[in-house]
Protein backbone atom coordinates (compact mmCIF):
# COMPACT_ATOMS: atom_id res chain seq x y z
CA MET A 1 -0.02 -0.01 0.01
CA PRO A 2 1.49 3.37 -0.97
CA GLU A 3 1.96 6.02 1.71
CA GLN A 4 -0.08 9.21 1.78
CA GLY A 5 1.84 12.06 0.25
CA THR A 6 3.73 9.90 -2.24
CA LYS A 7 4.33 11.64 -5.54
CA ASP A 8 1.68 10.95 -8.20
CA ILE A 9 -0.55 9.11 -5.67
CA VAL A 10 -3.98 10.41 -4.86
CA PHE A 11 -4.53 8.61 -1.54
CA TYR A 12 -7.68 8.07 0.56
CA GLY A 13 -7.25 6.22 3.85
CA PRO A 14 -9.84 4.45 6.00
CA GLY A 15 -13.01 6.45 6.76
CA GLU A 16 -15.51 8.51 4.80
CA HIS A 17 -14.42 11.19 2.32
CA ASP A 18 -16.47 13.71 0.33
CA ALA A 19 -14.14 13.93 -2.63
CA GLY A 20 -16.42 15.33 -5.34
CA GLU A 21 -14.78 15.21 -8.76
CA ILE A 22 -11.32 13.61 -8.82
CA LEU A 23 -9.28 14.57 -11.86
CA LEU A 24 -6.43 12.24 -12.81
CA SER A 25 -3.60 13.05 -15.21
CA SER A 26 -0.83 11.03 -16.84
CA GLY A 27 1.16 8.87 -14.45
CA GLN A 28 -1.20 9.24 -11.49
CA THR A 29 -2.66 6.55 -9.29
CA LEU A 30 -5.85 6.88 -7.26
CA TYR A 31 -5.52 4.60 -4.24
CA LEU A 32 -8.47 3.74 -2.02
CA ALA A 33 -7.22 1.97 1.05
CA GLU A 34 -9.15 -0.79 2.76
CA GLY A 35 -11.91 0.82 4.87
CA ALA A 36 -12.08 3.96 2.72
CA VAL A 37 -15.51 5.05 1.43
CA VAL A 38 -14.97 7.81 -1.11
CA TYR A 39 -18.06 9.73 -2.22
CA GLY A 40 -17.34 11.15 -5.66
CA ARG A 41 -16.45 10.46 -9.27
CA VAL A 42 -13.30 10.15 -11.34
CA LYS A 43 -12.41 11.80 -14.68
CA ALA A 44 -9.39 11.64 -16.95
CA ALA A 45 -8.83 12.88 -20.48
CA PHE A 46 -5.86 12.60 -22.88
CA ALA A 47 -3.87 10.86 -20.15
CA ASN A 48 -1.49 7.94 -20.19
CA ASN A 49 -0.70 5.38 -17.49
CA VAL A 50 -3.62 6.09 -15.17
CA THR A 51 -4.42 3.66 -12.31
CA ILE A 52 -7.30 3.22 -9.86
CA ARG A 53 -6.64 0.59 -7.25
CA GLY A 54 -6.96 -0.47 -3.60
CA ARG A 55 -9.53 -2.24 -1.46
CA GLY A 56 -11.78 0.70 -0.68
CA MET A 57 -15.05 1.87 -2.17
CA LEU A 58 -15.97 4.57 -4.64
CA CYS A 59 -19.61 5.50 -4.00
CA GLY A 60 -22.02 7.63 -6.00
CA SER A 61 -24.85 7.78 -3.50
CA ARG A 62 -24.28 11.49 -2.80
CA GLU A 63 -24.46 12.39 -6.50
CA ILE A 64 -27.69 13.59 -8.09
CA HIS A 65 -29.77 10.69 -9.42
CA ASP A 66 -32.09 12.19 -12.03
CA PHE A 67 -32.26 12.60 -15.80
CA ASP A 68 -30.79 16.10 -15.90
CA ARG A 69 -27.49 15.38 -14.21
CA ARG A 70 -26.39 11.80 -13.76
CA PRO A 71 -22.59 11.56 -13.74
CA CYS A 72 -20.69 8.34 -14.27
CA LEU A 73 -18.53 7.10 -11.43
CA ILE A 74 -15.57 6.82 -13.88
CA ARG A 75 -15.38 8.73 -17.14
CA MET A 76 -12.18 8.52 -19.16
CA HIS A 77 -11.69 9.42 -22.80
CA ASP A 78 -8.72 9.51 -25.14
CA CYS A 79 -6.54 7.73 -22.57
CA ARG A 80 -3.94 4.92 -22.88
CA ASN A 81 -2.83 2.27 -20.40
CA ILE A 82 -5.69 2.33 -17.86
CA HIS A 83 -5.49 -0.01 -14.86
CA ILE A 84 -8.47 -0.47 -12.52
CA GLU A 85 -8.05 -3.07 -9.81
CA GLY A 86 -9.56 -4.26 -6.57
CA VAL A 87 -11.97 -1.35 -5.84
CA ILE A 88 -15.68 -1.66 -4.97
CA PHE A 89 -18.02 0.60 -6.99
CA ARG A 90 -21.43 1.32 -5.49
CA ASP A 91 -24.58 3.18 -6.60
CA SER A 92 -23.44 4.81 -9.83
CA PRO A 93 -26.08 7.34 -11.04
CA ALA A 94 -25.35 6.34 -14.67
CA TRP A 95 -22.68 4.15 -16.38
CA THR A 96 -20.28 2.95 -13.75
CA MET A 97 -17.25 2.98 -16.08
CA ASN A 98 -17.49 5.08 -19.21
CA LEU A 99 -14.36 4.58 -21.30
CA GLY A 100 -14.28 6.30 -24.72
CA ASN A 101 -11.55 6.06 -27.36
CA CYS A 102 -9.12 4.40 -24.96
CA ASP A 103 -6.29 2.01 -25.74
CA SER A 104 -5.00 -0.74 -23.49
CA VAL A 105 -7.51 -1.10 -20.65
CA PHE A 106 -7.08 -3.57 -17.76
CA ILE A 107 -9.89 -4.14 -15.25
CA ASP A 108 -9.19 -6.76 -12.61
CA ASN A 109 -11.01 -8.01 -9.48
CA VAL A 110 -13.51 -5.14 -9.12
CA LYS A 111 -16.96 -5.35 -7.61
CA GLU A 112 -19.94 -3.29 -8.75
CA VAL A 113 -23.40 -2.95 -7.24
CA SER A 114 -25.64 -0.25 -8.74
CA TRP A 115 -29.43 0.04 -9.03
CA MET A 116 -30.15 3.24 -11.00
CA ARG A 117 -31.59 3.09 -14.49
CA ASN A 118 -28.74 3.05 -17.05
CA SER A 119 -26.23 2.10 -14.38
CA ASP A 120 -24.25 -0.07 -16.81
CA GLY A 121 -21.21 -1.83 -15.40
CA VAL A 122 -18.55 -1.18 -18.09
CA ASP A 123 -19.18 0.70 -21.35
CA LEU A 124 -16.34 0.44 -23.86
CA CYS A 125 -16.84 2.96 -26.66
CA ASN A 126 -14.32 2.85 -29.52
CA VAL A 127 -11.86 1.00 -27.30
CA ARG A 128 -8.92 -1.18 -28.37
CA HIS A 129 -7.12 -3.87 -26.39
CA ALA A 130 -9.19 -4.35 -23.22
CA ARG A 131 -8.96 -7.10 -20.58
CA ILE A 132 -11.61 -7.57 -17.90
CA LYS A 133 -11.19 -10.48 -15.47
CA ASP A 134 -12.19 -11.87 -12.06
CA CYS A 135 -14.91 -9.25 -11.54
CA PHE A 136 -18.35 -9.36 -9.86
CA MET A 137 -20.94 -7.05 -11.42
CA ARG A 138 -24.51 -6.53 -10.36
CA ASN A 139 -26.06 -3.56 -12.14
CA TYR A 140 -29.60 -2.53 -12.99
CA ASP A 141 -28.75 -2.29 -16.71
CA ASP A 142 -26.19 -4.01 -18.93
CA ASN A 143 -23.10 -5.25 -17.14
CA ILE A 144 -20.88 -4.73 -20.18
CA SER A 145 -21.84 -2.89 -23.31
CA LEU A 146 -19.67 -2.38 -26.39
CA LYS A 147 -20.30 0.59 -28.68
CA THR A 148 -18.82 2.59 -31.55
CA TYR A 149 -19.67 6.20 -32.21
CA GLY A 150 -18.71 8.58 -34.97
CA ALA A 151 -15.68 10.55 -33.83
CA PRO A 152 -13.87 12.51 -36.59
CA HIS A 153 -10.75 13.22 -34.48
CA ILE A 154 -10.08 9.49 -33.85
CA LYS A 155 -7.56 7.92 -36.19
CA ASP A 156 -8.55 4.34 -35.32
CA ALA A 157 -12.15 4.44 -34.11
CA ASN A 158 -12.92 0.73 -34.48
CA LEU A 159 -13.47 -1.41 -31.40
CA TYR A 160 -11.41 -4.64 -31.24
CA ASP A 161 -9.38 -7.03 -29.11
CA ILE A 162 -11.73 -7.17 -26.12
CA ARG A 163 -11.43 -10.02 -23.58
CA MET A 164 -13.71 -10.62 -20.56
CA GLU A 165 -13.07 -13.76 -18.52
CA TYR A 166 -13.83 -15.44 -15.20
CA CYS A 167 -16.45 -12.87 -14.24
CA THR A 168 -19.74 -13.28 -12.36
CA VAL A 169 -22.61 -11.10 -13.55
CA TRP A 170 -26.16 -10.22 -12.47
CA ALA A 171 -28.36 -7.84 -14.49
CA ASP A 172 -31.69 -6.63 -13.11
CA CYS A 173 -32.67 -4.97 -16.42
CA GLY A 174 -30.99 -5.20 -19.78
CA HIS A 175 -28.39 -7.71 -20.88
CA ASN A 176 -25.44 -9.05 -18.96
CA LEU A 177 -23.24 -9.00 -22.07
CA LEU A 178 -24.14 -6.72 -24.98
CA VAL A 179 -22.34 -6.01 -28.24
CA GLY A 180 -24.01 -3.01 -29.81
CA PRO A 181 -26.52 -1.67 -30.64
CA GLU A 182 -24.84 1.75 -30.78
CA SER A 183 -22.63 1.17 -33.85
CA HIS A 184 -21.48 3.67 -36.42
CA PRO A 185 -22.07 2.47 -40.02
CA ASP A 186 -18.43 3.08 -41.01
CA LEU A 187 -16.91 1.33 -38.01
CA SER A 188 -16.48 -2.25 -36.86
CA MET A 189 -16.49 -4.36 -33.70
CA SER A 190 -14.30 -7.43 -33.88
CA ASP A 191 -12.08 -9.91 -32.02
CA ILE A 192 -14.33 -10.00 -28.92
CA ASP A 193 -14.24 -12.90 -26.50
CA PHE A 194 -16.34 -13.59 -23.41
CA SER A 195 -15.09 -16.74 -21.64
CA HIS A 196 -15.90 -18.56 -18.41
CA ILE A 197 -18.69 -16.18 -17.42
CA GLN A 198 -21.10 -17.08 -14.64
CA VAL A 199 -24.58 -15.56 -15.04
CA LEU A 200 -26.41 -15.43 -11.70
CA GLU A 201 -29.50 -13.56 -12.86
CA SER A 202 -31.02 -12.00 -15.94
CA ARG A 203 -34.43 -10.59 -15.13
CA GLU A 204 -35.40 -8.50 -18.16
CA ASN A 205 -38.50 -9.84 -19.95
CA CYS A 206 -39.16 -6.92 -22.31
CA TYR A 207 -38.31 -7.27 -26.03
CA PRO A 208 -35.70 -6.59 -27.40
CA TRP A 209 -33.72 -6.45 -24.15
CA LYS A 210 -34.69 -9.94 -23.01
CA GLY A 211 -31.84 -12.41 -22.58
CA SER A 212 -28.46 -12.72 -20.88
CA LEU A 213 -26.41 -11.80 -23.94
CA ALA A 214 -26.96 -10.18 -27.29
CA VAL A 215 -25.25 -9.00 -30.47
CA MET A 216 -27.53 -6.23 -31.74
CA VAL A 217 -26.66 -4.95 -35.21
CA SER A 218 -29.47 -2.40 -35.17
CA ASP A 219 -27.44 0.70 -36.04
CA GLU A 220 -25.51 -0.79 -38.97
CA GLY A 221 -21.73 -1.11 -38.55
CA THR A 222 -19.74 -4.32 -39.02
CA PHE A 223 -19.53 -7.13 -36.45
CA HIS A 224 -17.29 -10.22 -36.68
CA ASP A 225 -15.23 -12.69 -34.66
CA ILE A 226 -17.34 -12.65 -31.45
CA SER A 227 -17.46 -15.62 -29.10
CA PHE A 228 -19.24 -16.48 -25.80
CA ILE A 229 -18.16 -19.31 -23.44
CA PHE A 230 -20.14 -19.68 -20.24
CA SER A 231 -19.26 -21.37 -16.97
CA PRO A 232 -21.10 -24.65 -16.34
CA PHE A 233 -22.71 -22.94 -13.32
CA SER A 234 -24.44 -20.29 -15.43
CA VAL A 235 -28.23 -20.20 -15.41
């Protein structure tokens, strides 16, 4: 565990903290120590080598939960080499992790519990080279959702090389694993692999969101090389 005051470490020790918006820049690590409950949200833009880790909790319960202002717990765009490990995420007002146009994303051993409408677990938008493993996700909406949007400034806006493995998921509404449907007609989603996933619950009964997993090519775009392998304990 890093010591408080260490260079490039944003440190929260045991206890409750009203952090508000936490801005991270290149080379910085946000560390939530065991016993820390941090009320706030995290943002990063055009940053490299950004890390969020620890055994504490990032909580959105003191954020506004309505349709006019619903911040994500984590929002990063145009970043490279993102590491998120060990932290508990609770009560996100919107998408728990919103990652847009990011390259090399590693999410390991995180826990999520959120119950607000649209509180997706992980949304990867125009992301390349992502690894998600050993996580528990219970969210009201999709636990993972892959998307591509039109973004003129992005040189490589396709989504590819996405791996999610050994995770346990529970969706109260929406899909547990969703590829699409937000897909730009000129972009592609490819080389996507979900393996050894345990599905505890999938409660949505409304068409077209019914089901544990889906590939929804409803907004055009190109989809190929997508695989799903479930744990024998999935239901």
